[in-house]
Amino acid sequence: MSQKARPYQAASTVGVKKAFRDGAQLVLLVLPTGTGKTTVVAIWIHGAVTKGSFVIFLAHRRELIRNASKRLKMHGVKHGIIMPGERYDLSQQVQVGSVQSILPRLYPRDPETAADAPRADIIVFDEAHRATSKSYKDIIAKYPNALVIGLTATPARTDGRGLGDVFQSMVEVLDVADAIGQGYLCDYVMYEGQYD
């Protein structure tokens, strides 16, 4: 059962497509936590798959992989999961997996016993503020012609610097205040004081 996109989710999809049309190959999609970044990309992937594209969705934690798999199923996207404890199905156009599980497939220690690496016209990185690490850059390097979409709520590294050395374009259509004002997120309450 497909979930209808909220207006800002539809605008995000349009923004990503426009960034690619304008020549960017690596696009960062920024939406606040809880507003459905994975839903946006699931809708986008559904459209890409119907046009014949191969997609890899990567995250660094099992919970994020399971969430992506659930969203893709909701939008009718068949996919394989590349992660320990899962049965790989590389016949699918879409693969969801962990960064740690895909790297050995792309850079095997023993090429003669290497597992098949999935095809990719599009790569999606969840928690893309991690994309400055060597493992993420190694994956991007292995697919030099792939379009890359990074998903994040925090478009900066822990040192406060941006992600411009990885991504060429940023799409941001909604901030936290707007999400609260439009009723998509609950307002927050701040407490001040000493805690023991």
C-alpha atoms as a PDB file:
ATOM      1  CA  MET A   1       0.000   0.000   0.000  1.00  0.00           C
ATOM      2  CA  SER A   2       1.584   3.236  -1.152  1.00  0.00           C
ATOM      3  CA  GLN A   3       1.624   6.249   1.123  1.00  0.00           C
ATOM      4  CA  LYS A   4       0.719   9.607  -0.436  1.00  0.00           C
ATOM      5  CA  ALA A   5       3.496  12.177  -0.306  1.00  0.00           C
ATOM      6  CA  ARG A   6       3.041  15.248   1.839  1.00  0.00           C
ATOM      7  CA  PRO A   7       3.465  18.560  -0.035  1.00  0.00           C
ATOM      8  CA  TYR A   8       7.023  19.138   1.229  1.00  0.00           C
ATOM      9  CA  GLN A   9       7.944  15.524   0.381  1.00  0.00           C
ATOM     10  CA  ALA A  10       6.707  16.021  -3.186  1.00  0.00           C
ATOM     11  CA  ALA A  11       8.645  19.313  -3.343  1.00  0.00           C
ATOM     12  CA  SER A  12      11.764  17.495  -2.101  1.00  0.00           C
ATOM     13  CA  THR A  13      11.426  14.908  -4.867  1.00  0.00           C
ATOM     14  CA  VAL A  14      11.062  17.678  -7.449  1.00  0.00           C
ATOM     15  CA  GLY A  15      14.098  19.447  -5.969  1.00  0.00           C
ATOM     16  CA  VAL A  16      16.287  16.334  -6.196  1.00  0.00           C
ATOM     17  CA  LYS A  17      15.245  15.716  -9.802  1.00  0.00           C
ATOM     18  CA  LYS A  18      15.966  19.350 -10.687  1.00  0.00           C
ATOM     19  CA  ALA A  19      19.421  19.207  -9.077  1.00  0.00           C
ATOM     20  CA  PHE A  20      20.274  16.172 -11.215  1.00  0.00           C
ATOM     21  CA  ARG A  21      18.867  17.810 -14.353  1.00  0.00           C
ATOM     22  CA  ASP A  22      20.991  20.884 -13.589  1.00  0.00           C
ATOM     23  CA  GLY A  23      24.117  18.721 -13.711  1.00  0.00           C
ATOM     24  CA  ALA A  24      24.825  17.698 -10.113  1.00  0.00           C
ATOM     25  CA  GLN A  25      25.789  14.061  -9.622  1.00  0.00           C
ATOM     26  CA  LEU A  26      25.874  14.078  -5.801  1.00  0.00           C
ATOM     27  CA  VAL A  27      22.810  15.681  -4.159  1.00  0.00           C
ATOM     28  CA  LEU A  28      22.181  16.152  -0.437  1.00  0.00           C
ATOM     29  CA  LEU A  29      18.524  16.070   0.685  1.00  0.00           C
ATOM     30  CA  VAL A  30      18.004  17.772   4.047  1.00  0.00           C
ATOM     31  CA  LEU A  31      14.793  17.267   6.023  1.00  0.00           C
ATOM     32  CA  PRO A  32      14.215  17.411   9.790  1.00  0.00           C
ATOM     33  CA  THR A  33      14.175  14.182  11.775  1.00  0.00           C
ATOM     34  CA  GLY A  34      10.727  12.595  11.634  1.00  0.00           C
ATOM     35  CA  THR A  35       9.535  14.233   8.420  1.00  0.00           C
ATOM     36  CA  GLY A  36      10.060  11.244   6.135  1.00  0.00           C
ATOM     37  CA  LYS A  37      13.350  11.407   4.266  1.00  0.00           C
ATOM     38  CA  THR A  38      13.117   7.664   3.628  1.00  0.00           C
ATOM     39  CA  THR A  39       9.563   8.052   2.306  1.00  0.00           C
ATOM     40  CA  VAL A  40      10.717  10.756  -0.105  1.00  0.00           C
ATOM     41  CA  VAL A  41      13.489   8.570  -1.453  1.00  0.00           C
ATOM     42  CA  ALA A  42      11.235   5.471  -1.623  1.00  0.00           C
ATOM     43  CA  ILE A  43       8.863   7.410  -3.889  1.00  0.00           C
ATOM     44  CA  TRP A  44      11.825   8.576  -5.960  1.00  0.00           C
ATOM     45  CA  ILE A  45      13.275   5.033  -6.179  1.00  0.00           C
ATOM     46  CA  HIS A  46       9.899   3.649  -7.293  1.00  0.00           C
ATOM     47  CA  GLY A  47       9.938   6.027 -10.232  1.00  0.00           C
ATOM     48  CA  ALA A  48      13.586   5.279 -11.055  1.00  0.00           C
ATOM     49  CA  VAL A  49      13.010   1.513 -11.028  1.00  0.00           C
ATOM     50  CA  THR A  50      10.073   1.802 -13.434  1.00  0.00           C
ATOM     51  CA  LYS A  51      12.521   3.502 -15.828  1.00  0.00           C
ATOM     52  CA  GLY A  52      14.990   0.591 -15.479  1.00  0.00           C
ATOM     53  CA  SER A  53      17.486   2.022 -12.994  1.00  0.00           C
ATOM     54  CA  PHE A  54      19.419  -0.074 -10.479  1.00  0.00           C
ATOM     55  CA  VAL A  55      19.574   1.378  -6.962  1.00  0.00           C
ATOM     56  CA  ILE A  56      21.575   0.716  -3.797  1.00  0.00           C
ATOM     57  CA  PHE A  57      20.264   2.169  -0.504  1.00  0.00           C
ATOM     58  CA  LEU A  58      22.920   2.151   2.220  1.00  0.00           C
ATOM     59  CA  ALA A  59      22.813   2.863   5.932  1.00  0.00           C
ATOM     60  CA  HIS A  60      25.144   2.155   8.838  1.00  0.00           C
ATOM     61  CA  ARG A  61      22.698   0.538  11.283  1.00  0.00           C
ATOM     62  CA  ARG A  62      20.394  -2.473  11.103  1.00  0.00           C
ATOM     63  CA  GLU A  63      17.363  -0.414  12.261  1.00  0.00           C
ATOM     64  CA  LEU A  64      17.815   2.079   9.426  1.00  0.00           C
ATOM     65  CA  ILE A  65      18.118  -0.733   6.894  1.00  0.00           C
ATOM     66  CA  ARG A  66      14.929  -2.355   8.177  1.00  0.00           C
ATOM     67  CA  ASN A  67      13.139   1.014   8.054  1.00  0.00           C
ATOM     68  CA  ALA A  68      14.242   1.564   4.438  1.00  0.00           C
ATOM     69  CA  SER A  69      13.091  -1.957   3.524  1.00  0.00           C
ATOM     70  CA  LYS A  70       9.692  -1.303   5.128  1.00  0.00           C
ATOM     71  CA  ARG A  71       9.257   2.007   3.267  1.00  0.00           C
ATOM     72  CA  LEU A  72      10.240   0.459  -0.055  1.00  0.00           C
ATOM     73  CA  LYS A  73       7.701  -2.344   0.468  1.00  0.00           C
ATOM     74  CA  MET A  74       5.013   0.270   1.242  1.00  0.00           C
ATOM     75  CA  HIS A  75       5.721   1.845  -2.141  1.00  0.00           C
ATOM     76  CA  GLY A  76       5.742  -1.443  -4.046  1.00  0.00           C
ATOM     77  CA  VAL A  77       9.496  -1.595  -4.599  1.00  0.00           C
ATOM     78  CA  LYS A  78      10.897  -5.141  -4.608  1.00  0.00           C
ATOM     79  CA  HIS A  79      14.417  -5.315  -3.228  1.00  0.00           C
ATOM     80  CA  GLY A  80      17.164  -7.489  -1.829  1.00  0.00           C
ATOM     81  CA  ILE A  81      18.894  -6.944   1.505  1.00  0.00           C
ATOM     82  CA  ILE A  82      22.669  -7.134   1.794  1.00  0.00           C
ATOM     83  CA  MET A  83      23.337  -7.599   5.481  1.00  0.00           C
ATOM     84  CA  PRO A  84      24.441 -10.473   7.739  1.00  0.00           C
ATOM     85  CA  GLY A  85      21.544 -12.765   8.574  1.00  0.00           C
ATOM     86  CA  GLU A  86      19.615 -11.856   5.423  1.00  0.00           C
ATOM     87  CA  ARG A  87      19.195 -13.804   2.217  1.00  0.00           C
ATOM     88  CA  TYR A  88      20.744 -11.849  -0.608  1.00  0.00           C
ATOM     89  CA  ASP A  89      18.711 -11.483  -3.786  1.00  0.00           C
ATOM     90  CA  LEU A  90      20.943  -9.741  -6.298  1.00  0.00           C
ATOM     91  CA  SER A  91      18.388 -10.340  -9.051  1.00  0.00           C
ATOM     92  CA  GLN A  92      16.404  -7.350  -7.744  1.00  0.00           C
ATOM     93  CA  GLN A  93      16.977  -3.872  -9.198  1.00  0.00           C
ATOM     94  CA  VAL A  94      17.104  -2.383  -5.700  1.00  0.00           C
ATOM     95  CA  GLN A  95      19.418  -3.471  -2.889  1.00  0.00           C
ATOM     96  CA  VAL A  96      19.248  -2.230   0.684  1.00  0.00           C
ATOM     97  CA  GLY A  97      22.260  -2.865   2.845  1.00  0.00           C
ATOM     98  CA  SER A  98      24.847  -1.730   5.272  1.00  0.00           C
ATOM     99  CA  VAL A  99      27.943   0.175   4.277  1.00  0.00           C
ATOM    100  CA  GLN A 100      29.965  -2.474   6.138  1.00  0.00           C
ATOM    101  CA  SER A 101      28.361  -5.337   4.173  1.00  0.00           C
ATOM    102  CA  ILE A 102      28.744  -3.843   0.720  1.00  0.00           C
ATOM    103  CA  LEU A 103      32.398  -2.815   0.976  1.00  0.00           C
ATOM    104  CA  PRO A 104      33.788  -6.393   0.938  1.00  0.00           C
ATOM    105  CA  ARG A 105      31.723  -7.053  -2.207  1.00  0.00           C
ATOM    106  CA  LEU A 106      33.213  -4.006  -3.906  1.00  0.00           C
ATOM    107  CA  TYR A 107      36.783  -4.411  -2.647  1.00  0.00           C
ATOM    108  CA  PRO A 108      37.290  -8.151  -1.986  1.00  0.00           C
ATOM    109  CA  ARG A 109      40.471  -9.403  -0.325  1.00  0.00           C
ATOM    110  CA  ASP A 110      40.467 -12.425  -2.627  1.00  0.00           C
ATOM    111  CA  PRO A 111      39.016 -11.531  -6.046  1.00  0.00           C
ATOM    112  CA  GLU A 112      38.636 -15.217  -6.966  1.00  0.00           C
ATOM    113  CA  THR A 113      36.197 -15.864  -4.114  1.00  0.00           C
ATOM    114  CA  ALA A 114      34.484 -12.478  -4.195  1.00  0.00           C
ATOM    115  CA  ALA A 115      30.711 -12.264  -3.974  1.00  0.00           C
ATOM    116  CA  ASP A 116      28.883 -10.478  -6.736  1.00  0.00           C
ATOM    117  CA  ALA A 117      28.665  -6.715  -6.356  1.00  0.00           C
ATOM    118  CA  PRO A 118      25.278  -5.151  -7.090  1.00  0.00           C
ATOM    119  CA  ARG A 119      24.755  -2.864 -10.064  1.00  0.00           C
ATOM    120  CA  ALA A 120      23.999   0.775  -9.339  1.00  0.00           C
ATOM    121  CA  ASP A 121      22.818   3.698 -11.399  1.00  0.00           C
ATOM    122  CA  ILE A 122      21.725   5.438  -8.180  1.00  0.00           C
ATOM    123  CA  ILE A 123      23.180   5.218  -4.678  1.00  0.00           C
ATOM    124  CA  VAL A 124      21.333   6.512  -1.625  1.00  0.00           C
ATOM    125  CA  PHE A 125      23.172   7.135   1.649  1.00  0.00           C
ATOM    126  CA  ASP A 126      21.110   7.464   4.802  1.00  0.00           C
ATOM    127  CA  GLU A 127      22.705   9.610   7.543  1.00  0.00           C
ATOM    128  CA  ALA A 128      24.768  11.289   4.814  1.00  0.00           C
ATOM    129  CA  HIS A 129      26.624  13.522   7.255  1.00  0.00           C
ATOM    130  CA  ARG A 130      28.868  10.429   7.554  1.00  0.00           C
ATOM    131  CA  ALA A 131      29.712  10.597   3.835  1.00  0.00           C
ATOM    132  CA  THR A 132      33.074  12.251   4.409  1.00  0.00           C
ATOM    133  CA  SER A 133      34.464   8.972   5.774  1.00  0.00           C
ATOM    134  CA  LYS A 134      36.743   6.791   3.648  1.00  0.00           C
ATOM    135  CA  SER A 135      34.218   3.928   3.420  1.00  0.00           C
ATOM    136  CA  TYR A 136      31.534   6.141   1.867  1.00  0.00           C
ATOM    137  CA  LYS A 137      34.019   7.729  -0.528  1.00  0.00           C
ATOM    138  CA  ASP A 138      35.267   4.264  -1.550  1.00  0.00           C
ATOM    139  CA  ILE A 139      31.715   3.251  -2.461  1.00  0.00           C
ATOM    140  CA  ILE A 140      31.198   6.419  -4.508  1.00  0.00           C
ATOM    141  CA  ALA A 141      34.520   5.798  -6.287  1.00  0.00           C
ATOM    142  CA  LYS A 142      33.443   2.278  -7.273  1.00  0.00           C
ATOM    143  CA  TYR A 143      30.375   3.690  -9.084  1.00  0.00           C
ATOM    144  CA  PRO A 144      31.757   6.789 -10.846  1.00  0.00           C
ATOM    145  CA  ASN A 145      28.715   7.215 -13.110  1.00  0.00           C
ATOM    146  CA  ALA A 146      26.032   6.703 -10.458  1.00  0.00           C
ATOM    147  CA  LEU A 147      23.815   9.492  -9.199  1.00  0.00           C
ATOM    148  CA  VAL A 148      24.168   9.848  -5.425  1.00  0.00           C
ATOM    149  CA  ILE A 149      21.482  11.048  -3.016  1.00  0.00           C
ATOM    150  CA  GLY A 150      22.496  11.735   0.580  1.00  0.00           C
ATOM    151  CA  LEU A 151      19.797  11.937   3.263  1.00  0.00           C
ATOM    152  CA  THR A 152      20.353  13.861   6.478  1.00  0.00           C
ATOM    153  CA  ALA A 153      18.745  16.117   9.056  1.00  0.00           C
ATOM    154  CA  THR A 154      22.135  17.612   9.945  1.00  0.00           C
ATOM    155  CA  PRO A 155      24.097  18.808   6.904  1.00  0.00           C
ATOM    156  CA  ALA A 156      27.353  19.276   8.794  1.00  0.00           C
ATOM    157  CA  ARG A 157      30.091  17.146  10.255  1.00  0.00           C
ATOM    158  CA  THR A 158      30.743  16.900  13.970  1.00  0.00           C
ATOM    159  CA  ASP A 159      33.539  19.449  13.526  1.00  0.00           C
ATOM    160  CA  GLY A 160      30.920  21.937  12.267  1.00  0.00           C
ATOM    161  CA  ARG A 161      32.142  21.981   8.663  1.00  0.00           C
ATOM    162  CA  GLY A 162      29.731  21.420   5.796  1.00  0.00           C
ATOM    163  CA  LEU A 163      29.550  18.575   3.290  1.00  0.00           C
ATOM    164  CA  GLY A 164      30.438  20.565   0.170  1.00  0.00           C
ATOM    165  CA  ASP A 165      33.530  18.461  -0.469  1.00  0.00           C
ATOM    166  CA  VAL A 166      31.245  15.439  -1.060  1.00  0.00           C
ATOM    167  CA  PHE A 167      27.935  16.834  -2.366  1.00  0.00           C
ATOM    168  CA  GLN A 168      27.523  19.275  -5.237  1.00  0.00           C
ATOM    169  CA  SER A 169      23.990  20.427  -4.523  1.00  0.00           C
ATOM    170  CA  MET A 170      21.695  20.632  -1.487  1.00  0.00           C
ATOM    171  CA  VAL A 171      17.897  20.404  -1.478  1.00  0.00           C
ATOM    172  CA  GLU A 172      16.178  21.808   1.609  1.00  0.00           C
ATOM    173  CA  VAL A 173      12.475  22.645   1.428  1.00  0.00           C
ATOM    174  CA  LEU A 174      11.404  22.444   5.087  1.00  0.00           C
ATOM    175  CA  ASP A 175      13.025  23.336   8.385  1.00  0.00           C
ATOM    176  CA  VAL A 176      12.023  22.322  11.925  1.00  0.00           C
ATOM    177  CA  ALA A 177      10.039  25.514  12.593  1.00  0.00           C
ATOM    178  CA  ASP A 178       8.023  25.046   9.385  1.00  0.00           C
ATOM    179  CA  ALA A 179       7.435  21.355  10.151  1.00  0.00           C
ATOM    180  CA  ILE A 180       6.097  22.296  13.604  1.00  0.00           C
ATOM    181  CA  GLY A 181       4.046  25.208  12.225  1.00  0.00           C
ATOM    182  CA  GLN A 182       2.458  22.983   9.574  1.00  0.00           C
ATOM    183  CA  GLY A 183       1.618  20.296  12.140  1.00  0.00           C
ATOM    184  CA  TYR A 184       4.005  17.628  10.876  1.00  0.00           C
ATOM    185  CA  LEU A 185       6.108  17.672  14.060  1.00  0.00           C
ATOM    186  CA  CYS A 186       5.140  18.320  17.673  1.00  0.00           C
ATOM    187  CA  ASP A 187       6.397  21.495  19.255  1.00  0.00           C
ATOM    188  CA  TYR A 188       9.233  21.017  21.692  1.00  0.00           C
ATOM    189  CA  VAL A 189       9.544  22.002  25.332  1.00  0.00           C
ATOM    190  CA  MET A 190      12.868  23.126  26.746  1.00  0.00           C
ATOM    191  CA  TYR A 191      13.882  22.697  30.347  1.00  0.00           C
ATOM    192  CA  GLU A 192      16.613  24.646  32.052  1.00  0.00           C
ATOM    193  CA  GLY A 193      18.223  23.948  35.340  1.00  0.00           C
ATOM    194  CA  GLN A 194      20.581  21.728  37.214  1.00  0.00           C
ATOM    195  CA  TYR A 195      20.236  18.011  37.073  1.00  0.00           C
ATOM    196  CA  ASP A 196      21.847  15.549  39.445  1.00  0.00           C
END
